[in-house]
mmCIF file of all heavy atoms, coordinates in Angstrom:
data_MODEL
# 
_entry.id   MODEL 
# 
loop_
_atom_site.group_PDB 
_atom_site.id 
_atom_site.type_symbol 
_atom_site.label_atom_id 
_atom_site.label_alt_id 
_atom_site.label_comp_id 
_atom_site.label_asym_id 
_atom_site.label_entity_id 
_atom_site.label_seq_id 
_atom_site.pdbx_PDB_ins_code 
_atom_site.Cartn_x 
_atom_site.Cartn_y 
_atom_site.Cartn_z 
_atom_site.occupancy 
_atom_site.B_iso_or_equiv 
_atom_site.pdbx_formal_charge 
_atom_site.auth_seq_id 
_atom_site.auth_comp_id 
_atom_site.auth_asym_id 
_atom_site.auth_atom_id 
_atom_site.pdbx_PDB_model_num 
ATOM 1   N N   . GLU A 1 1  ? 130.251 48.410 56.223 1.00 0.00 ? 1  GLU A N   1 
ATOM 2   C CA  . GLU A 1 1  ? 130.275 48.761 57.551 1.00 0.00 ? 1  GLU A CA  1 
ATOM 3   C C   . GLU A 1 1  ? 129.613 50.221 57.637 1.00 0.00 ? 1  GLU A C   1 
ATOM 4   O O   . GLU A 1 1  ? 128.945 50.494 58.554 1.00 0.00 ? 1  GLU A O   1 
ATOM 5   C CB  . GLU A 1 1  ? 131.707 48.843 58.019 1.00 0.00 ? 1  GLU A CB  1 
ATOM 6   C CG  . GLU A 1 1  ? 131.874 49.244 59.533 1.00 0.00 ? 1  GLU A CG  1 
ATOM 7   C CD  . GLU A 1 1  ? 133.289 49.196 59.954 1.00 0.00 ? 1  GLU A CD  1 
ATOM 8   O OE1 . GLU A 1 1  ? 134.196 48.732 59.260 1.00 0.00 ? 1  GLU A OE1 1 
ATOM 9   O OE2 . GLU A 1 1  ? 133.547 49.710 61.128 1.00 0.00 ? 1  GLU A OE2 1 
ATOM 10  N N   . ARG A 1 2  ? 129.887 51.103 56.668 1.00 0.00 ? 2  ARG A N   1 
ATOM 11  C CA  . ARG A 1 2  ? 129.338 52.409 56.786 1.00 0.00 ? 2  ARG A CA  1 
ATOM 12  C C   . ARG A 1 2  ? 127.830 52.390 56.502 1.00 0.00 ? 2  ARG A C   1 
ATOM 13  O O   . ARG A 1 2  ? 127.063 53.092 57.190 1.00 0.00 ? 2  ARG A O   1 
ATOM 14  C CB  . ARG A 1 2  ? 129.994 53.321 55.717 1.00 0.00 ? 2  ARG A CB  1 
ATOM 15  C CG  . ARG A 1 2  ? 131.420 53.598 55.999 1.00 0.00 ? 2  ARG A CG  1 
ATOM 16  C CD  . ARG A 1 2  ? 131.996 54.588 54.933 1.00 0.00 ? 2  ARG A CD  1 
ATOM 17  N NE  . ARG A 1 2  ? 131.435 55.900 55.162 1.00 0.00 ? 2  ARG A NE  1 
ATOM 18  C CZ  . ARG A 1 2  ? 131.384 56.881 54.234 1.00 0.00 ? 2  ARG A CZ  1 
ATOM 19  N NH1 . ARG A 1 2  ? 132.002 56.618 53.113 1.00 0.00 ? 2  ARG A NH1 1 
ATOM 20  N NH2 . ARG A 1 2  ? 130.839 58.119 54.448 1.00 0.00 ? 2  ARG A NH2 1 
ATOM 21  N N   . LEU A 1 3  ? 127.402 51.445 55.567 1.00 0.00 ? 3  LEU A N   1 
ATOM 22  C CA  . LEU A 1 3  ? 126.048 51.361 55.398 1.00 0.00 ? 3  LEU A CA  1 
ATOM 23  C C   . LEU A 1 3  ? 125.226 50.850 56.571 1.00 0.00 ? 3  LEU A C   1 
ATOM 24  O O   . LEU A 1 3  ? 124.109 51.377 56.988 1.00 0.00 ? 3  LEU A O   1 
ATOM 25  C CB  . LEU A 1 3  ? 125.775 50.324 54.186 1.00 0.00 ? 3  LEU A CB  1 
ATOM 26  C CG  . LEU A 1 3  ? 125.817 50.882 52.861 1.00 0.00 ? 3  LEU A CG  1 
ATOM 27  C CD1 . LEU A 1 3  ? 125.751 49.715 51.834 1.00 0.00 ? 3  LEU A CD1 1 
ATOM 28  C CD2 . LEU A 1 3  ? 124.622 51.831 52.593 1.00 0.00 ? 3  LEU A CD2 1 
ATOM 29  N N   . ALA A 1 4  ? 125.928 49.994 57.284 1.00 0.00 ? 4  ALA A N   1 
ATOM 30  C CA  . ALA A 1 4  ? 125.303 49.455 58.547 1.00 0.00 ? 4  ALA A CA  1 
ATOM 31  C C   . ALA A 1 4  ? 124.985 50.478 59.545 1.00 0.00 ? 4  ALA A C   1 
ATOM 32  O O   . ALA A 1 4  ? 124.121 50.350 60.428 1.00 0.00 ? 4  ALA A O   1 
ATOM 33  C CB  . ALA A 1 4  ? 126.158 48.366 59.173 1.00 0.00 ? 4  ALA A CB  1 
ATOM 34  N N   . HIS A 1 5  ? 125.707 51.582 59.522 1.00 0.00 ? 5  HIS A N   1 
ATOM 35  C CA  . HIS A 1 5  ? 125.457 52.749 60.455 1.00 0.00 ? 5  HIS A CA  1 
ATOM 36  C C   . HIS A 1 5  ? 124.472 53.747 59.905 1.00 0.00 ? 5  HIS A C   1 
ATOM 37  O O   . HIS A 1 5  ? 124.016 54.614 60.598 1.00 0.00 ? 5  HIS A O   1 
ATOM 38  C CB  . HIS A 1 5  ? 126.797 53.491 60.687 1.00 0.00 ? 5  HIS A CB  1 
ATOM 39  C CG  . HIS A 1 5  ? 127.722 52.725 61.597 1.00 0.00 ? 5  HIS A CG  1 
ATOM 40  N ND1 . HIS A 1 5  ? 128.711 51.889 61.022 1.00 0.00 ? 5  HIS A ND1 1 
ATOM 41  C CD2 . HIS A 1 5  ? 127.907 52.720 62.890 1.00 0.00 ? 5  HIS A CD2 1 
ATOM 42  C CE1 . HIS A 1 5  ? 129.434 51.364 62.003 1.00 0.00 ? 5  HIS A CE1 1 
ATOM 43  N NE2 . HIS A 1 5  ? 128.952 51.820 63.132 1.00 0.00 ? 5  HIS A NE2 1 
ATOM 44  N N   . LEU A 1 6  ? 124.035 53.567 58.618 1.00 0.00 ? 6  LEU A N   1 
ATOM 45  C CA  . LEU A 1 6  ? 123.103 54.455 57.979 1.00 0.00 ? 6  LEU A CA  1 
ATOM 46  C C   . LEU A 1 6  ? 121.796 53.952 57.805 1.00 0.00 ? 6  LEU A C   1 
ATOM 47  O O   . LEU A 1 6  ? 120.748 54.697 57.785 1.00 0.00 ? 6  LEU A O   1 
ATOM 48  C CB  . LEU A 1 6  ? 123.701 54.889 56.640 1.00 0.00 ? 6  LEU A CB  1 
ATOM 49  C CG  . LEU A 1 6  ? 124.999 55.753 56.610 1.00 0.00 ? 6  LEU A CG  1 
ATOM 50  C CD1 . LEU A 1 6  ? 125.498 55.890 55.188 1.00 0.00 ? 6  LEU A CD1 1 
ATOM 51  C CD2 . LEU A 1 6  ? 124.873 57.073 57.361 1.00 0.00 ? 6  LEU A CD2 1 
ATOM 52  N N   . VAL A 1 7  ? 121.580 52.650 57.688 1.00 0.00 ? 7  VAL A N   1 
ATOM 53  C CA  . VAL A 1 7  ? 120.300 52.033 57.363 1.00 0.00 ? 7  VAL A CA  1 
ATOM 54  C C   . VAL A 1 7  ? 120.080 50.896 58.362 1.00 0.00 ? 7  VAL A C   1 
ATOM 55  O O   . VAL A 1 7  ? 120.996 50.368 58.962 1.00 0.00 ? 7  VAL A O   1 
ATOM 56  C CB  . VAL A 1 7  ? 120.261 51.465 55.913 1.00 0.00 ? 7  VAL A CB  1 
ATOM 57  C CG1 . VAL A 1 7  ? 120.485 52.606 54.976 1.00 0.00 ? 7  VAL A CG1 1 
ATOM 58  C CG2 . VAL A 1 7  ? 121.313 50.399 55.734 1.00 0.00 ? 7  VAL A CG2 1 
ATOM 59  N N   . PRO A 1 8  ? 118.784 50.540 58.513 1.00 0.00 ? 8  PRO A N   1 
ATOM 60  C CA  . PRO A 1 8  ? 118.479 49.514 59.605 1.00 0.00 ? 8  PRO A CA  1 
ATOM 61  C C   . PRO A 1 8  ? 119.084 48.148 59.280 1.00 0.00 ? 8  PRO A C   1 
ATOM 62  O O   . PRO A 1 8  ? 119.433 47.429 60.239 1.00 0.00 ? 8  PRO A O   1 
ATOM 63  C CB  . PRO A 1 8  ? 116.913 49.507 59.519 1.00 0.00 ? 8  PRO A CB  1 
ATOM 64  C CG  . PRO A 1 8  ? 116.530 50.749 59.022 1.00 0.00 ? 8  PRO A CG  1 
ATOM 65  C CD  . PRO A 1 8  ? 117.601 51.121 58.011 1.00 0.00 ? 8  PRO A CD  1 
ATOM 66  N N   . ALA A 1 9  ? 119.131 47.698 58.043 1.00 0.00 ? 9  ALA A N   1 
ATOM 67  C CA  . ALA A 1 9  ? 119.612 46.355 57.715 1.00 0.00 ? 9  ALA A CA  1 
ATOM 68  C C   . ALA A 1 9  ? 120.300 46.374 56.372 1.00 0.00 ? 9  ALA A C   1 
ATOM 69  O O   . ALA A 1 9  ? 119.887 47.087 55.402 1.00 0.00 ? 9  ALA A O   1 
ATOM 70  C CB  . ALA A 1 9  ? 118.469 45.355 57.742 1.00 0.00 ? 9  ALA A CB  1 
ATOM 71  N N   . VAL A 1 10 ? 121.382 45.528 56.267 1.00 0.00 ? 10 VAL A N   1 
ATOM 72  C CA  . VAL A 1 10 ? 122.087 45.315 54.989 1.00 0.00 ? 10 VAL A CA  1 
ATOM 73  C C   . VAL A 1 10 ? 122.260 43.870 54.768 1.00 0.00 ? 10 VAL A C   1 
ATOM 74  O O   . VAL A 1 10 ? 122.652 43.189 55.640 1.00 0.00 ? 10 VAL A O   1 
ATOM 75  C CB  . VAL A 1 10 ? 123.489 46.016 55.030 1.00 0.00 ? 10 VAL A CB  1 
ATOM 76  C CG1 . VAL A 1 10 ? 124.211 45.830 53.677 1.00 0.00 ? 10 VAL A CG1 1 
ATOM 77  C CG2 . VAL A 1 10 ? 123.396 47.473 55.300 1.00 0.00 ? 10 VAL A CG2 1 
ATOM 78  N N   . PHE A 1 11 ? 121.812 43.417 53.534 1.00 0.00 ? 11 PHE A N   1 
ATOM 79  C CA  . PHE A 1 11 ? 121.997 41.973 53.163 1.00 0.00 ? 11 PHE A CA  1 
ATOM 80  C C   . PHE A 1 11 ? 122.985 41.931 51.995 1.00 0.00 ? 11 PHE A C   1 
ATOM 81  O O   . PHE A 1 11 ? 122.762 42.517 50.975 1.00 0.00 ? 11 PHE A O   1 
ATOM 82  C CB  . PHE A 1 11 ? 120.648 41.389 52.754 1.00 0.00 ? 11 PHE A CB  1 
ATOM 83  C CG  . PHE A 1 11 ? 120.762 39.918 52.316 1.00 0.00 ? 11 PHE A CG  1 
ATOM 84  C CD1 . PHE A 1 11 ? 120.906 38.915 53.279 1.00 0.00 ? 11 PHE A CD1 1 
ATOM 85  C CD2 . PHE A 1 11 ? 120.768 39.564 51.006 1.00 0.00 ? 11 PHE A CD2 1 
ATOM 86  C CE1 . PHE A 1 11 ? 120.943 37.556 52.868 1.00 0.00 ? 11 PHE A CE1 1 
ATOM 87  C CE2 . PHE A 1 11 ? 120.860 38.279 50.506 1.00 0.00 ? 11 PHE A CE2 1 
ATOM 88  C CZ  . PHE A 1 11 ? 120.882 37.261 51.486 1.00 0.00 ? 11 PHE A CZ  1 
ATOM 89  N N   . VAL A 1 12 ? 124.139 41.275 52.183 1.00 0.00 ? 12 VAL A N   1 
ATOM 90  C CA  . VAL A 1 12 ? 125.109 41.086 51.170 1.00 0.00 ? 12 VAL A CA  1 
ATOM 91  C C   . VAL A 1 12 ? 125.015 39.752 50.581 1.00 0.00 ? 12 VAL A C   1 
ATOM 92  O O   . VAL A 1 12 ? 125.177 38.686 51.175 1.00 0.00 ? 12 VAL A O   1 
ATOM 93  C CB  . VAL A 1 12 ? 126.567 41.261 51.774 1.00 0.00 ? 12 VAL A CB  1 
ATOM 94  C CG1 . VAL A 1 12 ? 127.591 41.155 50.649 1.00 0.00 ? 12 VAL A CG1 1 
ATOM 95  C CG2 . VAL A 1 12 ? 126.648 42.627 52.476 1.00 0.00 ? 12 VAL A CG2 1 
ATOM 96  N N   . ALA A 1 13 ? 124.663 39.777 49.261 1.00 0.00 ? 13 ALA A N   1 
ATOM 97  C CA  . ALA A 1 13 ? 124.304 38.505 48.527 1.00 0.00 ? 13 ALA A CA  1 
ATOM 98  C C   . ALA A 1 13 ? 125.549 38.037 47.816 1.00 0.00 ? 13 ALA A C   1 
ATOM 99  O O   . ALA A 1 13 ? 126.400 38.796 47.346 1.00 0.00 ? 13 ALA A O   1 
ATOM 100 C CB  . ALA A 1 13 ? 123.178 38.725 47.575 1.00 0.00 ? 13 ALA A CB  1 
ATOM 101 N N   . GLN A 1 14 ? 125.696 36.691 47.659 1.00 0.00 ? 14 GLN A N   1 
ATOM 102 C CA  . GLN A 1 14 ? 126.761 36.133 46.809 1.00 0.00 ? 14 GLN A CA  1 
ATOM 103 C C   . GLN A 1 14 ? 126.233 34.884 46.132 1.00 0.00 ? 14 GLN A C   1 
ATOM 104 O O   . GLN A 1 14 ? 125.585 34.068 46.839 1.00 0.00 ? 14 GLN A O   1 
ATOM 105 C CB  . GLN A 1 14 ? 127.988 35.830 47.670 1.00 0.00 ? 14 GLN A CB  1 
ATOM 106 C CG  . GLN A 1 14 ? 129.168 35.291 46.908 1.00 0.00 ? 14 GLN A CG  1 
ATOM 107 C CD  . GLN A 1 14 ? 130.389 34.939 47.795 1.00 0.00 ? 14 GLN A CD  1 
ATOM 108 O OE1 . GLN A 1 14 ? 130.235 34.596 48.891 1.00 0.00 ? 14 GLN A OE1 1 
ATOM 109 N NE2 . GLN A 1 14 ? 131.546 35.022 47.271 1.00 0.00 ? 14 GLN A NE2 1 
ATOM 110 N N   . ALA A 1 15 ? 126.582 34.723 44.914 1.00 0.00 ? 15 ALA A N   1 
ATOM 111 C CA  . ALA A 1 15 ? 126.137 33.475 44.212 1.00 0.00 ? 15 ALA A CA  1 
ATOM 112 C C   . ALA A 1 15 ? 127.333 33.012 43.254 1.00 0.00 ? 15 ALA A C   1 
ATOM 113 O O   . ALA A 1 15 ? 127.930 33.829 42.663 1.00 0.00 ? 15 ALA A O   1 
ATOM 114 C CB  . ALA A 1 15 ? 124.917 33.706 43.377 1.00 0.00 ? 15 ALA A CB  1 
ATOM 115 N N   . ARG A 1 16 ? 127.514 31.658 43.224 1.00 0.00 ? 16 ARG A N   1 
ATOM 116 C CA  . ARG A 1 16 ? 128.618 31.195 42.386 1.00 0.00 ? 16 ARG A CA  1 
ATOM 117 C C   . ARG A 1 16 ? 128.070 30.184 41.401 1.00 0.00 ? 16 ARG A C   1 
ATOM 118 O O   . ARG A 1 16 ? 128.711 29.973 40.364 1.00 0.00 ? 16 ARG A O   1 
ATOM 119 C CB  . ARG A 1 16 ? 129.624 30.563 43.355 1.00 0.00 ? 16 ARG A CB  1 
ATOM 120 C CG  . ARG A 1 16 ? 130.447 31.435 44.111 1.00 0.00 ? 16 ARG A CG  1 
ATOM 121 C CD  . ARG A 1 16 ? 131.420 32.162 43.246 1.00 0.00 ? 16 ARG A CD  1 
ATOM 122 N NE  . ARG A 1 16 ? 132.254 33.204 43.833 1.00 0.00 ? 16 ARG A NE  1 
ATOM 123 C CZ  . ARG A 1 16 ? 132.097 34.393 43.907 1.00 0.00 ? 16 ARG A CZ  1 
ATOM 124 N NH1 . ARG A 1 16 ? 130.966 34.870 43.315 1.00 0.00 ? 16 ARG A NH1 1 
ATOM 125 N NH2 . ARG A 1 16 ? 132.749 35.239 44.550 1.00 0.00 ? 16 ARG A NH2 1 
ATOM 126 N N   . THR A 1 17 ? 126.810 29.639 41.539 1.00 0.00 ? 17 THR A N   1 
ATOM 127 C CA  . THR A 1 17 ? 126.313 28.648 40.609 1.00 0.00 ? 17 THR A CA  1 
ATOM 128 C C   . THR A 1 17 ? 124.875 29.027 40.350 1.00 0.00 ? 17 THR A C   1 
ATOM 129 O O   . THR A 1 17 ? 124.211 29.789 41.074 1.00 0.00 ? 17 THR A O   1 
ATOM 130 C CB  . THR A 1 17 ? 126.319 27.316 41.149 1.00 0.00 ? 17 THR A CB  1 
ATOM 131 O OG1 . THR A 1 17 ? 125.495 27.119 42.388 1.00 0.00 ? 17 THR A OG1 1 
ATOM 132 C CG2 . THR A 1 17 ? 127.765 26.882 41.703 1.00 0.00 ? 17 THR A CG2 1 
ATOM 133 N N   . LEU A 1 18 ? 124.244 28.358 39.337 1.00 0.00 ? 18 LEU A N   1 
ATOM 134 C CA  . LEU A 1 18 ? 122.904 28.532 38.940 1.00 0.00 ? 18 LEU A CA  1 
ATOM 135 C C   . LEU A 1 18 ? 121.918 28.020 40.102 1.00 0.00 ? 18 LEU A C   1 
ATOM 136 O O   . LEU A 1 18 ? 120.839 28.566 40.252 1.00 0.00 ? 18 LEU A O   1 
ATOM 137 C CB  . LEU A 1 18 ? 122.553 27.901 37.676 1.00 0.00 ? 18 LEU A CB  1 
ATOM 138 C CG  . LEU A 1 18 ? 123.283 28.390 36.423 1.00 0.00 ? 18 LEU A CG  1 
ATOM 139 C CD1 . LEU A 1 18 ? 122.846 27.630 35.164 1.00 0.00 ? 18 LEU A CD1 1 
ATOM 140 C CD2 . LEU A 1 18 ? 123.152 29.840 36.213 1.00 0.00 ? 18 LEU A CD2 1 
ATOM 141 N N   . GLU A 1 19 ? 122.383 27.084 40.858 1.00 0.00 ? 19 GLU A N   1 
ATOM 142 C CA  . GLU A 1 19 ? 121.572 26.614 41.949 1.00 0.00 ? 19 GLU A CA  1 
ATOM 143 C C   . GLU A 1 19 ? 121.525 27.649 43.170 1.00 0.00 ? 19 GLU A C   1 
ATOM 144 O O   . GLU A 1 19 ? 120.641 27.487 43.973 1.00 0.00 ? 19 GLU A O   1 
ATOM 145 C CB  . GLU A 1 19 ? 122.178 25.283 42.494 1.00 0.00 ? 19 GLU A CB  1 
ATOM 146 C CG  . GLU A 1 19 ? 121.728 24.003 41.712 1.00 0.00 ? 19 GLU A CG  1 
ATOM 147 C CD  . GLU A 1 19 ? 122.349 23.998 40.323 1.00 0.00 ? 19 GLU A CD  1 
ATOM 148 O OE1 . GLU A 1 19 ? 123.401 24.620 40.152 1.00 0.00 ? 19 GLU A OE1 1 
ATOM 149 O OE2 . GLU A 1 19 ? 121.790 23.260 39.450 1.00 0.00 ? 19 GLU A OE2 1 
ATOM 150 N N   . ASP A 1 20 ? 122.329 28.617 43.100 1.00 0.00 ? 20 ASP A N   1 
ATOM 151 C CA  . ASP A 1 20 ? 122.279 29.616 44.139 1.00 0.00 ? 20 ASP A CA  1 
ATOM 152 C C   . ASP A 1 20 ? 121.154 30.581 43.956 1.00 0.00 ? 20 ASP A C   1 
ATOM 153 O O   . ASP A 1 20 ? 120.792 31.251 44.986 1.00 0.00 ? 20 ASP A O   1 
ATOM 154 C CB  . ASP A 1 20 ? 123.609 30.412 44.186 1.00 0.00 ? 20 ASP A CB  1 
ATOM 155 C CG  . ASP A 1 20 ? 124.777 29.603 44.854 1.00 0.00 ? 20 ASP A CG  1 
ATOM 156 O OD1 . ASP A 1 20 ? 124.446 28.772 45.656 1.00 0.00 ? 20 ASP A OD1 1 
ATOM 157 O OD2 . ASP A 1 20 ? 125.881 29.891 44.430 1.00 0.00 ? 20 ASP A OD2 1 
ATOM 158 N N   . VAL A 1 21 ? 120.602 30.645 42.800 1.00 0.00 ? 21 VAL A N   1 
ATOM 159 C CA  . VAL A 1 21 ? 119.579 31.683 42.463 1.00 0.00 ? 21 VAL A CA  1 
ATOM 160 C C   . VAL A 1 21 ? 118.278 31.402 43.339 1.00 0.00 ? 21 VAL A C   1 
ATOM 161 O O   . VAL A 1 21 ? 117.879 32.383 44.012 1.00 0.00 ? 21 VAL A O   1 
ATOM 162 C CB  . VAL A 1 21 ? 119.248 31.640 41.029 1.00 0.00 ? 21 VAL A CB  1 
ATOM 163 C CG1 . VAL A 1 21 ? 118.008 32.587 40.721 1.00 0.00 ? 21 VAL A CG1 1 
ATOM 164 C CG2 . VAL A 1 21 ? 120.377 32.106 40.144 1.00 0.00 ? 21 VAL A CG2 1 
ATOM 165 N N   . PRO A 1 22 ? 117.722 30.263 43.394 1.00 0.00 ? 22 PRO A N   1 
ATOM 166 C CA  . PRO A 1 22 ? 116.495 30.094 44.289 1.00 0.00 ? 22 PRO A CA  1 
ATOM 167 C C   . PRO A 1 22 ? 116.797 30.236 45.691 1.00 0.00 ? 22 PRO A C   1 
ATOM 168 O O   . PRO A 1 22 ? 116.045 30.674 46.534 1.00 0.00 ? 22 PRO A O   1 
ATOM 169 C CB  . PRO A 1 22 ? 116.014 28.685 43.981 1.00 0.00 ? 22 PRO A CB  1 
ATOM 170 C CG  . PRO A 1 22 ? 117.155 27.985 43.289 1.00 0.00 ? 22 PRO A CG  1 
ATOM 171 C CD  . PRO A 1 22 ? 117.927 29.009 42.564 1.00 0.00 ? 22 PRO A CD  1 
ATOM 172 N N   . ARG A 1 23 ? 118.100 29.901 46.139 1.00 0.00 ? 23 ARG A N   1 
ATOM 173 C CA  . ARG A 1 23 ? 118.512 30.056 47.568 1.00 0.00 ? 23 ARG A CA  1 
ATOM 174 C C   . ARG A 1 23 ? 118.461 31.502 47.925 1.00 0.00 ? 23 ARG A C   1 
ATOM 175 O O   . ARG A 1 23 ? 117.928 32.000 48.969 1.00 0.00 ? 23 ARG A O   1 
ATOM 176 C CB  . ARG A 1 23 ? 119.872 29.514 47.778 1.00 0.00 ? 23 ARG A CB  1 
ATOM 177 C CG  . ARG A 1 23 ? 120.463 29.807 49.128 1.00 0.00 ? 23 ARG A CG  1 
ATOM 178 C CD  . ARG A 1 23 ? 121.870 29.238 49.275 1.00 0.00 ? 23 ARG A CD  1 
ATOM 179 N NE  . ARG A 1 23 ? 122.796 29.918 48.443 1.00 0.00 ? 23 ARG A NE  1 
ATOM 180 C CZ  . ARG A 1 23 ? 123.254 31.146 48.572 1.00 0.00 ? 23 ARG A CZ  1 
ATOM 181 N NH1 . ARG A 1 23 ? 122.998 31.893 49.611 1.00 0.00 ? 23 ARG A NH1 1 
ATOM 182 N NH2 . ARG A 1 23 ? 124.157 31.616 47.664 1.00 0.00 ? 23 ARG A NH2 1 
ATOM 183 N N   . LEU A 1 24 ? 119.044 32.400 47.108 1.00 0.00 ? 24 LEU A N   1 
ATOM 184 C CA  . LEU A 1 24 ? 119.005 33.835 47.315 1.00 0.00 ? 24 LEU A CA  1 
ATOM 185 C C   . LEU A 1 24 ? 117.586 34.433 47.224 1.00 0.00 ? 24 LEU A C   1 
ATOM 186 O O   . LEU A 1 24 ? 117.255 35.194 47.958 1.00 0.00 ? 24 LEU A O   1 
ATOM 187 C CB  . LEU A 1 24 ? 119.951 34.528 46.317 1.00 0.00 ? 24 LEU A CB  1 
ATOM 188 C CG  . LEU A 1 24 ? 121.434 34.487 46.690 1.00 0.00 ? 24 LEU A CG  1 
ATOM 189 C CD1 . LEU A 1 24 ? 122.209 35.268 45.554 1.00 0.00 ? 24 LEU A CD1 1 
ATOM 190 C CD2 . LEU A 1 24 ? 121.753 35.145 47.982 1.00 0.00 ? 24 LEU A CD2 1 
ATOM 191 N N   . LEU A 1 25 ? 116.902 33.875 46.253 1.00 0.00 ? 25 LEU A N   1 
ATOM 192 C CA  . LEU A 1 25 ? 115.506 34.432 46.093 1.00 0.00 ? 25 LEU A CA  1 
ATOM 193 C C   . LEU A 1 25 ? 114.661 34.123 47.400 1.00 0.00 ? 25 LEU A C   1 
ATOM 194 O O   . LEU A 1 25 ? 113.972 35.003 47.830 1.00 0.00 ? 25 LEU A O   1 
ATOM 195 C CB  . LEU A 1 25 ? 114.798 33.665 44.824 1.00 0.00 ? 25 LEU A CB  1 
ATOM 196 C CG  . LEU A 1 25 ? 113.466 34.191 44.471 1.00 0.00 ? 25 LEU A CG  1 
ATOM 197 C CD1 . LEU A 1 25 ? 113.588 35.740 44.038 1.00 0.00 ? 25 LEU A CD1 1 
ATOM 198 C CD2 . LEU A 1 25 ? 112.974 33.338 43.348 1.00 0.00 ? 25 LEU A CD2 1 
ATOM 199 N N   . ALA A 1 26 ? 114.855 32.948 47.968 1.00 0.00 ? 26 ALA A N   1 
ATOM 200 C CA  . ALA A 1 26 ? 114.164 32.662 49.167 1.00 0.00 ? 26 ALA A CA  1 
ATOM 201 C C   . ALA A 1 26 ? 114.595 33.513 50.356 1.00 0.00 ? 26 ALA A C   1 
ATOM 202 O O   . ALA A 1 26 ? 113.831 33.950 51.142 1.00 0.00 ? 26 ALA A O   1 
ATOM 203 C CB  . ALA A 1 26 ? 114.335 31.112 49.574 1.00 0.00 ? 26 ALA A CB  1 
ATOM 204 N N   . ALA A 1 27 ? 115.951 33.782 50.440 1.00 0.00 ? 27 ALA A N   1 
ATOM 205 C CA  . ALA A 1 27 ? 116.449 34.485 51.534 1.00 0.00 ? 27 ALA A CA  1 
ATOM 206 C C   . ALA A 1 27 ? 116.040 35.999 51.402 1.00 0.00 ? 27 ALA A C   1 
ATOM 207 O O   . ALA A 1 27 ? 115.539 36.603 52.444 1.00 0.00 ? 27 ALA A O   1 
ATOM 208 C CB  . ALA A 1 27 ? 118.001 34.543 51.515 1.00 0.00 ? 27 ALA A CB  1 
ATOM 209 N N   . ILE A 1 28 ? 116.047 36.525 50.250 1.00 0.00 ? 28 ILE A N   1 
ATOM 210 C CA  . ILE A 1 28 ? 115.541 38.022 50.059 1.00 0.00 ? 28 ILE A CA  1 
ATOM 211 C C   . ILE A 1 28 ? 114.080 38.053 50.213 1.00 0.00 ? 28 ILE A C   1 
ATOM 212 O O   . ILE A 1 28 ? 113.581 38.975 50.815 1.00 0.00 ? 28 ILE A O   1 
ATOM 213 C CB  . ILE A 1 28 ? 116.062 38.473 48.682 1.00 0.00 ? 28 ILE A CB  1 
ATOM 214 C CG1 . ILE A 1 28 ? 117.524 38.481 48.636 1.00 0.00 ? 28 ILE A CG1 1 
ATOM 215 C CG2 . ILE A 1 28 ? 115.407 39.935 48.432 1.00 0.00 ? 28 ILE A CG2 1 
ATOM 216 C CD1 . ILE A 1 28 ? 118.071 38.878 47.280 1.00 0.00 ? 28 ILE A CD1 1 
ATOM 217 N N   . GLY A 1 29 ? 113.328 37.094 49.770 1.00 0.00 ? 29 GLY A N   1 
ATOM 218 C CA  . GLY A 1 29 ? 111.875 37.082 49.918 1.00 0.00 ? 29 GLY A CA  1 
ATOM 219 C C   . GLY A 1 29 ? 111.538 37.040 51.419 1.00 0.00 ? 29 GLY A C   1 
ATOM 220 O O   . GLY A 1 29 ? 110.567 37.648 51.832 1.00 0.00 ? 29 GLY A O   1 
ATOM 221 N N   . ALA A 1 30 ? 112.312 36.276 52.182 1.00 0.00 ? 30 ALA A N   1 
ATOM 222 C CA  . ALA A 1 30 ? 112.041 36.211 53.648 1.00 0.00 ? 30 ALA A CA  1 
ATOM 223 C C   . ALA A 1 30 ? 112.194 37.580 54.275 1.00 0.00 ? 30 ALA A C   1 
ATOM 224 O O   . ALA A 1 30 ? 111.422 37.972 55.128 1.00 0.00 ? 30 ALA A O   1 
ATOM 225 C CB  . ALA A 1 30 ? 112.826 35.104 54.259 1.00 0.00 ? 30 ALA A CB  1 
# 
């Protein structure tokens, strides 16, 4: 919440399995 007031955008990532890696890679790449 504090970061959201200091910078334009915050992306909070979460992964639980190895299959989550390409999903996060695509999201961050976008």
